[in-house]
Amino acid sequence: MKQGIDRLVKLLTGVELTIACLATVLIFVLILFQAAQRYLPVPQIVWAGEVSQFGLIWLTFVAAGVLVTRNGHIAVQLIDTVGGPALARVVQTVATALVAVISAAFTWACWELVTAAGFLTSPALGLPMSWVYAIALVGLVSATVRAAVGAVLIARFGPPPPEPDDPATEA
């Protein structure tokens, strides 16, 4: 059972990271193209800026769940090193549970946005805005579920050991 869940998490992480990488490449190429448009005698393509902005939104939200799982968000870990393992377990459990609660609130708000924005379209492409917001919704659901599971795991088994290449452990 646990191996099946681990495989599912790895698969979902791979999908999320693939979307994030594609969004990064999309942003890079479109921004580079926009810069070239300013100096070359080529027709202006107005949708390039719009798609690069949407790509940044997609990158931000689709990577949120992966960052929650990998403890990649910005954090102050002073209490983890000063207070000992018991205090670190409590603080990390509460912090991860708060991430889950806040992510759940954002998920609800994003759901409302997706359902309410069905008639809105983007200015240049005419893309339904509910499609743009749907990827953010998927990322927020991922962050919520991963944070909730992470809070339970930390409460039960304690904080995970730091990664070997973690710069915070190189002091």
N, C-alpha and C. Protein backbone atom coordinates (compact mmCIF):
# COMPACT_ATOMS: atom_id res chain seq x y z
N MET A 1 0.82 -1.20 0.00
CA MET A 1 0.00 0.00 0.00
C MET A 1 0.86 1.26 0.00
N LYS A 2 1.87 1.28 0.91
CA LYS A 2 2.74 2.45 1.00
C LYS A 2 3.53 2.65 -0.28
N GLN A 3 3.95 1.55 -0.92
CA GLN A 3 4.70 1.67 -2.17
C GLN A 3 3.82 2.27 -3.27
N GLY A 4 2.56 1.91 -3.28
CA GLY A 4 1.63 2.47 -4.26
C GLY A 4 1.43 3.97 -4.06
N ILE A 5 1.33 4.37 -2.79
CA ILE A 5 1.18 5.80 -2.48
C ILE A 5 2.46 6.55 -2.84
N ASP A 6 3.61 5.95 -2.52
CA ASP A 6 4.88 6.59 -2.88
C ASP A 6 5.02 6.76 -4.38
N ARG A 7 4.61 5.75 -5.14
CA ARG A 7 4.66 5.85 -6.61
C ARG A 7 3.72 6.94 -7.12
N LEU A 8 2.53 7.01 -6.52
CA LEU A 8 1.57 8.03 -6.93
C LEU A 8 2.12 9.43 -6.64
N VAL A 9 2.71 9.60 -5.46
CA VAL A 9 3.30 10.91 -5.10
C VAL A 9 4.43 11.26 -6.06
N LYS A 10 5.28 10.28 -6.39
CA LYS A 10 6.37 10.54 -7.34
C LYS A 10 5.83 10.89 -8.72
N LEU A 11 4.77 10.21 -9.13
CA LEU A 11 4.17 10.50 -10.43
C LEU A 11 3.58 11.91 -10.46
N LEU A 12 2.82 12.26 -9.42
CA LEU A 12 2.24 13.60 -9.35
C LEU A 12 3.32 14.68 -9.26
N THR A 13 4.36 14.40 -8.49
CA THR A 13 5.48 15.35 -8.40
C THR A 13 6.14 15.51 -9.76
N GLY A 14 6.31 14.43 -10.47
CA GLY A 14 6.89 14.50 -11.81
C GLY A 14 6.04 15.31 -12.76
N VAL A 15 4.72 15.12 -12.69
CA VAL A 15 3.81 15.89 -13.55
C VAL A 15 3.88 17.37 -13.19
N GLU A 16 3.84 17.67 -11.89
CA GLU A 16 3.90 19.07 -11.46
C GLU A 16 5.22 19.73 -11.86
N LEU A 17 6.32 19.00 -11.68
CA LEU A 17 7.62 19.56 -12.06
C LEU A 17 7.73 19.72 -13.58
N THR A 18 7.15 18.81 -14.33
CA THR A 18 7.16 18.93 -15.79
C THR A 18 6.39 20.17 -16.23
N ILE A 19 5.23 20.39 -15.64
CA ILE A 19 4.44 21.59 -15.97
C ILE A 19 5.22 22.83 -15.57
N ALA A 20 5.87 22.80 -14.40
CA ALA A 20 6.65 23.96 -13.95
C ALA A 20 7.81 24.23 -14.89
N CYS A 21 8.49 23.18 -15.33
CA CYS A 21 9.61 23.35 -16.27
C CYS A 21 9.12 23.89 -17.61
N LEU A 22 8.01 23.36 -18.11
CA LEU A 22 7.44 23.86 -19.36
C LEU A 22 7.03 25.32 -19.24
N ALA A 23 6.47 25.69 -18.10
CA ALA A 23 6.09 27.08 -17.89
C ALA A 23 7.33 27.98 -17.84
N THR A 24 8.40 27.50 -17.22
CA THR A 24 9.65 28.27 -17.17
C THR A 24 10.21 28.48 -18.57
N VAL A 25 10.25 27.43 -19.36
CA VAL A 25 10.75 27.55 -20.74
C VAL A 25 9.84 28.48 -21.55
N LEU A 26 8.53 28.34 -21.37
CA LEU A 26 7.57 29.20 -22.06
C LEU A 26 7.81 30.66 -21.72
N ILE A 27 7.97 30.96 -20.45
CA ILE A 27 8.22 32.33 -20.01
C ILE A 27 9.51 32.85 -20.63
N PHE A 28 10.57 32.06 -20.56
CA PHE A 28 11.87 32.48 -21.10
C PHE A 28 11.79 32.78 -22.59
N VAL A 29 11.20 31.87 -23.34
CA VAL A 29 11.13 32.03 -24.80
C VAL A 29 10.27 33.24 -25.16
N LEU A 30 9.13 33.39 -24.51
CA LEU A 30 8.24 34.49 -24.85
C LEU A 30 8.81 35.85 -24.45
N ILE A 31 9.47 35.93 -23.32
CA ILE A 31 10.09 37.20 -22.91
C ILE A 31 11.24 37.54 -23.85
N LEU A 32 12.03 36.54 -24.22
CA LEU A 32 13.11 36.75 -25.19
C LEU A 32 12.54 37.21 -26.53
N PHE A 33 11.46 36.59 -26.95
CA PHE A 33 10.81 36.97 -28.20
C PHE A 33 10.28 38.40 -28.12
N GLN A 34 9.68 38.76 -26.99
CA GLN A 34 9.18 40.13 -26.83
C GLN A 34 10.32 41.14 -26.91
N ALA A 35 11.45 40.82 -26.30
CA ALA A 35 12.60 41.73 -26.37
C ALA A 35 13.10 41.85 -27.81
N ALA A 36 13.13 40.75 -28.52
CA ALA A 36 13.57 40.78 -29.92
C ALA A 36 12.60 41.58 -30.79
N GLN A 37 11.31 41.49 -30.49
CA GLN A 37 10.31 42.23 -31.26
C GLN A 37 10.53 43.74 -31.22
N ARG A 38 11.09 44.21 -30.11
CA ARG A 38 11.29 45.65 -29.97
C ARG A 38 12.37 46.17 -30.91
N TYR A 39 13.33 45.33 -31.25
CA TYR A 39 14.49 45.79 -32.02
C TYR A 39 14.53 45.25 -33.44
N LEU A 40 13.68 44.30 -33.75
CA LEU A 40 13.66 43.73 -35.10
C LEU A 40 12.41 44.18 -35.84
N PRO A 41 12.52 44.29 -37.15
CA PRO A 41 11.34 44.72 -37.92
C PRO A 41 10.39 43.55 -38.19
N VAL A 42 9.82 43.03 -37.13
CA VAL A 42 8.85 41.94 -37.24
C VAL A 42 7.51 42.43 -36.68
N PRO A 43 6.43 41.86 -37.16
CA PRO A 43 5.12 42.30 -36.62
C PRO A 43 5.01 41.98 -35.12
N GLN A 44 4.37 42.87 -34.41
CA GLN A 44 4.18 42.69 -32.97
C GLN A 44 3.14 41.60 -32.72
N ILE A 45 3.44 40.73 -31.80
CA ILE A 45 2.50 39.68 -31.40
C ILE A 45 2.07 40.00 -29.98
N VAL A 46 0.85 40.46 -29.83
CA VAL A 46 0.40 40.98 -28.55
C VAL A 46 0.15 39.89 -27.51
N TRP A 47 -0.12 38.68 -27.95
CA TRP A 47 -0.46 37.64 -26.98
C TRP A 47 0.77 37.08 -26.27
N ALA A 48 1.97 37.39 -26.72
CA ALA A 48 3.17 36.83 -26.10
C ALA A 48 3.31 37.27 -24.64
N GLY A 49 3.05 38.54 -24.37
CA GLY A 49 3.12 39.04 -23.00
C GLY A 49 2.05 38.43 -22.11
N GLU A 50 0.88 38.26 -22.68
CA GLU A 50 -0.22 37.68 -21.91
C GLU A 50 0.08 36.23 -21.53
N VAL A 51 0.57 35.46 -22.48
CA VAL A 51 0.87 34.05 -22.20
C VAL A 51 2.05 33.93 -21.22
N SER A 52 3.03 34.82 -21.32
CA SER A 52 4.14 34.76 -20.36
C SER A 52 3.66 35.10 -18.95
N GLN A 53 2.72 36.02 -18.81
CA GLN A 53 2.14 36.31 -17.50
C GLN A 53 1.37 35.11 -16.96
N PHE A 54 0.58 34.47 -17.83
CA PHE A 54 -0.13 33.28 -17.40
C PHE A 54 0.85 32.18 -17.01
N GLY A 55 1.94 32.05 -17.77
CA GLY A 55 2.97 31.06 -17.45
C GLY A 55 3.56 31.27 -16.07
N LEU A 56 3.75 32.53 -15.68
CA LEU A 56 4.27 32.81 -14.34
C LEU A 56 3.27 32.41 -13.26
N ILE A 57 2.01 32.65 -13.52
CA ILE A 57 0.96 32.22 -12.57
C ILE A 57 0.97 30.70 -12.45
N TRP A 58 1.01 30.02 -13.60
CA TRP A 58 0.99 28.56 -13.58
C TRP A 58 2.22 27.99 -12.89
N LEU A 59 3.38 28.56 -13.18
CA LEU A 59 4.62 28.11 -12.54
C LEU A 59 4.54 28.26 -11.02
N THR A 60 4.07 29.40 -10.57
CA THR A 60 4.00 29.67 -9.13
C THR A 60 3.11 28.67 -8.41
N PHE A 61 1.93 28.45 -8.94
CA PHE A 61 0.98 27.63 -8.22
C PHE A 61 1.21 26.14 -8.40
N VAL A 62 1.67 25.72 -9.56
CA VAL A 62 1.85 24.28 -9.78
C VAL A 62 3.06 23.77 -8.99
N ALA A 63 4.01 24.65 -8.70
CA ALA A 63 5.19 24.24 -7.93
C ALA A 63 4.96 24.31 -6.43
N ALA A 64 3.87 24.91 -5.99
CA ALA A 64 3.62 25.09 -4.56
C ALA A 64 3.53 23.76 -3.82
N GLY A 65 2.84 22.79 -4.36
CA GLY A 65 2.70 21.50 -3.70
C GLY A 65 4.03 20.77 -3.57
N VAL A 66 4.83 20.84 -4.61
CA VAL A 66 6.15 20.19 -4.57
C VAL A 66 7.02 20.85 -3.50
N LEU A 67 6.96 22.18 -3.41
CA LEU A 67 7.75 22.89 -2.41
C LEU A 67 7.30 22.53 -0.99
N VAL A 68 6.00 22.34 -0.80
CA VAL A 68 5.51 21.93 0.52
C VAL A 68 6.09 20.57 0.89
N THR A 69 6.06 19.63 -0.04
CA THR A 69 6.56 18.28 0.23
C THR A 69 8.06 18.28 0.49
N ARG A 70 8.80 19.09 -0.26
CA ARG A 70 10.26 19.10 -0.15
C ARG A 70 10.77 20.13 0.86
N ASN A 71 9.85 20.74 1.61
CA ASN A 71 10.22 21.76 2.59
C ASN A 71 11.04 22.86 1.93
N GLY A 72 10.57 23.29 0.76
CA GLY A 72 11.31 24.26 -0.03
C GLY A 72 10.83 25.69 0.11
N HIS A 73 9.82 25.92 0.91
CA HIS A 73 9.35 27.29 1.11
C HIS A 73 10.28 28.02 2.07
N ILE A 74 10.19 29.31 2.04
CA ILE A 74 10.99 30.13 2.96
C ILE A 74 10.54 29.83 4.38
N ALA A 75 11.51 29.58 5.26
CA ALA A 75 11.18 29.28 6.64
C ALA A 75 12.29 29.77 7.56
N VAL A 76 11.92 30.13 8.76
CA VAL A 76 12.88 30.48 9.78
C VAL A 76 13.01 29.26 10.68
N GLN A 77 14.20 28.68 10.71
CA GLN A 77 14.39 27.42 11.42
C GLN A 77 15.19 27.59 12.71
N LEU A 78 15.08 28.75 13.32
CA LEU A 78 15.82 29.01 14.55
C LEU A 78 15.34 28.10 15.68
N ILE A 79 14.03 27.94 15.80
CA ILE A 79 13.48 27.13 16.89
C ILE A 79 13.87 25.67 16.72
N ASP A 80 13.99 25.22 15.47
CA ASP A 80 14.36 23.84 15.21
C ASP A 80 15.74 23.51 15.77
N THR A 81 16.64 24.46 15.73
CA THR A 81 18.01 24.20 16.19
C THR A 81 18.21 24.52 17.66
N VAL A 82 17.41 25.42 18.21
CA VAL A 82 17.61 25.86 19.60
C VAL A 82 16.85 25.00 20.59
N GLY A 83 15.60 24.66 20.28
CA GLY A 83 14.73 24.06 21.27
C GLY A 83 14.82 22.56 21.44
N GLY A 84 15.47 21.86 20.56
CA GLY A 84 15.53 20.42 20.66
C GLY A 84 14.48 19.74 19.80
N PRO A 85 14.55 18.41 19.71
CA PRO A 85 13.68 17.68 18.80
C PRO A 85 12.19 17.74 19.15
N ALA A 86 11.84 17.76 20.42
CA ALA A 86 10.42 17.79 20.79
C ALA A 86 9.77 19.10 20.38
N LEU A 87 10.46 20.20 20.67
CA LEU A 87 9.93 21.51 20.28
C LEU A 87 9.90 21.65 18.76
N ALA A 88 10.91 21.13 18.09
CA ALA A 88 10.93 21.19 16.62
C ALA A 88 9.75 20.43 16.03
N ARG A 89 9.41 19.28 16.62
CA ARG A 89 8.27 18.49 16.14
C ARG A 89 6.98 19.28 16.29
N VAL A 90 6.78 19.90 17.44
CA VAL A 90 5.56 20.67 17.68
C VAL A 90 5.48 21.87 16.73
N VAL A 91 6.58 22.62 16.65
CA VAL A 91 6.57 23.82 15.82
C VAL A 91 6.35 23.46 14.35
N GLN A 92 7.04 22.44 13.86
CA GLN A 92 6.88 22.07 12.46
C GLN A 92 5.50 21.49 12.18
N THR A 93 4.94 20.76 13.13
CA THR A 93 3.58 20.24 12.95
C THR A 93 2.58 21.39 12.86
N VAL A 94 2.68 22.34 13.78
CA VAL A 94 1.76 23.49 13.77
C VAL A 94 1.96 24.31 12.50
N ALA A 95 3.21 24.55 12.12
CA ALA A 95 3.48 25.35 10.92
C ALA A 95 2.93 24.67 9.66
N THR A 96 3.14 23.37 9.55
CA THR A 96 2.65 22.64 8.38
C THR A 96 1.13 22.56 8.38
N ALA A 97 0.54 22.42 9.56
CA ALA A 97 -0.93 22.43 9.64
C ALA A 97 -1.49 23.79 9.25
N LEU A 98 -0.81 24.86 9.64
CA LEU A 98 -1.24 26.20 9.23
C LEU A 98 -1.14 26.37 7.71
N VAL A 99 -0.09 25.83 7.11
CA VAL A 99 0.03 25.86 5.65
C VAL A 99 -1.15 25.13 5.02
N ALA A 100 -1.53 24.00 5.60
CA ALA A 100 -2.67 23.24 5.07
C ALA A 100 -3.97 24.04 5.18
N VAL A 101 -4.18 24.67 6.32
CA VAL A 101 -5.41 25.45 6.52
C VAL A 101 -5.45 26.65 5.58
N ILE A 102 -4.34 27.36 5.46
CA ILE A 102 -4.30 28.53 4.59
C ILE A 102 -4.42 28.11 3.12
N SER A 103 -3.77 27.02 2.77
CA SER A 103 -3.90 26.51 1.40
C SER A 103 -5.34 26.09 1.11
N ALA A 104 -6.00 25.50 2.09
CA ALA A 104 -7.40 25.12 1.90
C ALA A 104 -8.28 26.35 1.70
N ALA A 105 -8.01 27.42 2.46
CA ALA A 105 -8.78 28.66 2.28
C ALA A 105 -8.54 29.24 0.89
N PHE A 106 -7.28 29.24 0.45
CA PHE A 106 -6.97 29.72 -0.90
C PHE A 106 -7.60 28.82 -1.96
N THR A 107 -7.64 27.52 -1.69
CA THR A 107 -8.27 26.59 -2.63
C THR A 107 -9.75 26.92 -2.79
N TRP A 108 -10.40 27.18 -1.69
CA TRP A 108 -11.82 27.54 -1.74
C TRP A 108 -12.02 28.83 -2.52
N ALA A 109 -11.19 29.83 -2.25
CA ALA A 109 -11.29 31.11 -2.95
C ALA A 109 -11.01 30.94 -4.44
N CYS A 110 -10.04 30.10 -4.77
CA CYS A 110 -9.72 29.86 -6.17
C CYS A 110 -10.86 29.10 -6.86
N TRP A 111 -11.48 28.18 -6.15
CA TRP A 111 -12.64 27.47 -6.71
C TRP A 111 -13.75 28.47 -7.04
N GLU A 112 -14.00 29.38 -6.13
CA GLU A 112 -15.00 30.42 -6.38
C GLU A 112 -14.61 31.25 -7.60
N LEU A 113 -13.33 31.55 -7.73
CA LEU A 113 -12.85 32.32 -8.87
C LEU A 113 -13.02 31.56 -10.18
N VAL A 114 -12.70 30.27 -10.16
CA VAL A 114 -12.85 29.45 -11.37
C VAL A 114 -14.31 29.37 -11.80
N THR A 115 -15.20 29.16 -10.85
CA THR A 115 -16.61 29.03 -11.21
C THR A 115 -17.24 30.36 -11.59
N ALA A 116 -16.76 31.45 -11.01
CA ALA A 116 -17.34 32.77 -11.31
C ALA A 116 -16.76 33.40 -12.57
N ALA A 117 -15.58 32.97 -12.98
CA ALA A 117 -14.90 33.63 -14.10
C ALA A 117 -15.12 32.91 -15.42
N GLY A 118 -16.12 32.07 -15.50
CA GLY A 118 -16.35 31.30 -16.71
C GLY A 118 -16.66 32.13 -17.94
N PHE A 119 -17.26 33.28 -17.75
CA PHE A 119 -17.62 34.11 -18.90
C PHE A 119 -16.53 35.11 -19.28
N LEU A 120 -15.53 35.30 -18.41
CA LEU A 120 -14.43 36.23 -18.70
C LEU A 120 -13.42 35.58 -19.63
N THR A 121 -12.87 36.40 -20.51
CA THR A 121 -11.81 35.91 -21.41
C THR A 121 -10.62 36.85 -21.34
N SER A 122 -9.46 36.32 -21.68
CA SER A 122 -8.25 37.14 -21.68
C SER A 122 -8.31 38.12 -22.85
N PRO A 123 -7.70 39.29 -22.71
CA PRO A 123 -7.84 40.32 -23.73
C PRO A 123 -7.26 39.95 -25.09
N ALA A 124 -6.06 39.38 -25.13
CA ALA A 124 -5.40 39.15 -26.42
C ALA A 124 -5.81 37.83 -27.07
N LEU A 125 -5.83 36.77 -26.29
CA LEU A 125 -6.11 35.44 -26.84
C LEU A 125 -7.58 35.05 -26.82
N GLY A 126 -8.34 35.67 -25.94
CA GLY A 126 -9.72 35.25 -25.78
C GLY A 126 -9.84 33.94 -25.02
N LEU A 127 -8.80 33.59 -24.28
CA LEU A 127 -8.76 32.36 -23.50
C LEU A 127 -9.69 32.50 -22.29
N PRO A 128 -10.55 31.52 -22.03
CA PRO A 128 -11.40 31.61 -20.84
C PRO A 128 -10.54 31.71 -19.57
N MET A 129 -10.83 32.70 -18.74
CA MET A 129 -10.03 32.89 -17.53
C MET A 129 -10.20 31.74 -16.55
N SER A 130 -11.29 31.01 -16.65
CA SER A 130 -11.44 29.85 -15.77
C SER A 130 -10.37 28.81 -16.08
N TRP A 131 -9.89 28.72 -17.32
CA TRP A 131 -8.80 27.81 -17.67
C TRP A 131 -7.49 28.27 -17.02
N VAL A 132 -7.29 29.56 -17.03
CA VAL A 132 -6.07 30.12 -16.43
C VAL A 132 -6.07 29.82 -14.93
N TYR A 133 -7.21 30.05 -14.28
CA TYR A 133 -7.30 29.85 -12.84
C TYR A 133 -7.35 28.38 -12.45
N ALA A 134 -7.75 27.51 -13.37
CA ALA A 134 -7.87 26.08 -13.05
C ALA A 134 -6.51 25.48 -12.68
N ILE A 135 -5.45 25.90 -13.35
CA ILE A 135 -4.13 25.36 -13.01
C ILE A 135 -3.72 25.83 -11.62
N ALA A 136 -4.05 27.06 -11.27
CA ALA A 136 -3.78 27.53 -9.91
C ALA A 136 -4.57 26.70 -8.90
N LEU A 137 -5.79 26.35 -9.24
CA LEU A 137 -6.62 25.52 -8.36
C LEU A 137 -5.97 24.16 -8.13
N VAL A 138 -5.47 23.55 -9.19
CA VAL A 138 -4.81 22.25 -9.07
C VAL A 138 -3.59 22.36 -8.15
N GLY A 139 -2.81 23.40 -8.32
CA GLY A 139 -1.63 23.59 -7.47
C GLY A 139 -2.00 23.81 -6.01
N LEU A 140 -3.08 24.56 -5.77
CA LEU A 140 -3.50 24.79 -4.40
C LEU A 140 -4.07 23.53 -3.75
N VAL A 141 -4.79 22.73 -4.51
CA VAL A 141 -5.27 21.45 -3.97
C VAL A 141 -4.07 20.57 -3.61
N SER A 142 -3.08 20.54 -4.48
CA SER A 142 -1.87 19.76 -4.21
C SER A 142 -1.18 20.24 -2.94
N ALA A 143 -1.03 21.56 -2.81
CA ALA A 143 -0.38 22.11 -1.62
C ALA A 143 -1.18 21.78 -0.36
N THR A 144 -2.50 21.85 -0.44
CA THR A 144 -3.35 21.56 0.72
C THR A 144 -3.19 20.10 1.16
N VAL A 145 -3.32 19.20 0.20
CA VAL A 145 -3.22 17.78 0.53
C VAL A 145 -1.83 17.43 1.04
N ARG A 146 -0.80 17.93 0.36
CA ARG A 146 0.57 17.61 0.77
C ARG A 146 0.88 18.19 2.15
N ALA A 147 0.39 19.40 2.45
CA ALA A 147 0.64 19.99 3.76
C ALA A 147 -0.11 19.24 4.85
N ALA A 148 -1.34 18.83 4.59
CA ALA A 148 -2.11 18.08 5.59
C ALA A 148 -1.44 16.74 5.89
N VAL A 149 -1.02 16.05 4.84
CA VAL A 149 -0.33 14.77 5.04
C VAL A 149 1.01 15.01 5.75
N GLY A 150 1.71 16.07 5.36
CA GLY A 150 2.99 16.39 6.00
C GLY A 150 2.83 16.69 7.48
N ALA A 151 1.78 17.42 7.85
CA ALA A 151 1.55 17.73 9.26
C ALA A 151 1.31 16.45 10.07
N VAL A 152 0.54 15.54 9.50
CA VAL A 152 0.28 14.26 10.19
C VAL A 152 1.58 13.46 10.33
N LEU A 153 2.36 13.41 9.26
CA LEU A 153 3.62 12.65 9.30
C LEU A 153 4.62 13.24 10.29
N ILE A 154 4.71 14.56 10.33
CA ILE A 154 5.63 15.20 11.28
C ILE A 154 5.16 14.97 12.71
N ALA A 155 3.85 15.08 12.95
CA ALA A 155 3.32 14.84 14.30
C ALA A 155 3.57 13.41 14.74
N ARG A 156 3.49 12.50 13.79
CA ARG A 156 3.61 11.07 14.14
C ARG A 156 5.06 10.61 14.23
N PHE A 157 5.89 11.04 13.26
CA PHE A 157 7.26 10.50 13.17
C PHE A 157 8.35 11.53 13.41
N GLY A 158 7.98 12.79 13.60
CA GLY A 158 8.98 13.83 13.80
C GLY A 158 9.40 14.45 12.47
N PRO A 159 10.15 15.54 12.55
CA PRO A 159 10.58 16.23 11.33
C PRO A 159 11.49 15.34 10.50
N PRO A 160 11.39 15.47 9.17
CA PRO A 160 12.28 14.68 8.33
C PRO A 160 13.71 15.18 8.47
N PRO A 161 14.68 14.30 8.27
CA PRO A 161 16.08 14.76 8.35
C PRO A 161 16.36 15.73 7.20
N PRO A 162 17.30 16.67 7.40
CA PRO A 162 17.61 17.61 6.34
C PRO A 162 18.25 16.89 5.14
N GLU A 163 18.00 17.46 3.97
CA GLU A 163 18.60 16.91 2.75
C GLU A 163 20.12 17.09 2.82
N PRO A 164 20.88 16.17 2.22
CA PRO A 164 22.34 16.28 2.28
C PRO A 164 22.89 17.54 1.61
N ASP A 165 22.20 18.04 0.59
CA ASP A 165 22.69 19.23 -0.11
C ASP A 165 21.96 20.50 0.34
N ASP A 166 21.31 20.45 1.50
CA ASP A 166 20.59 21.59 2.02
C ASP A 166 21.57 22.65 2.52
N PRO A 167 21.52 23.88 1.99
CA PRO A 167 22.46 24.90 2.41
C PRO A 167 22.31 25.28 3.87
N ALA A 168 21.14 25.05 4.46
CA ALA A 168 20.93 25.40 5.86
C ALA A 168 21.75 24.52 6.79
N THR A 169 22.15 23.34 6.34
CA THR A 169 22.91 22.43 7.19
C THR A 169 24.42 22.57 6.98
N GLU A 170 24.85 23.48 6.11
CA GLU A 170 26.27 23.62 5.80
C GLU A 170 26.95 24.67 6.66
N ALA A 171 26.39 25.07 7.77
CA ALA A 171 26.98 26.13 8.59
C ALA A 171 28.13 25.65 9.42
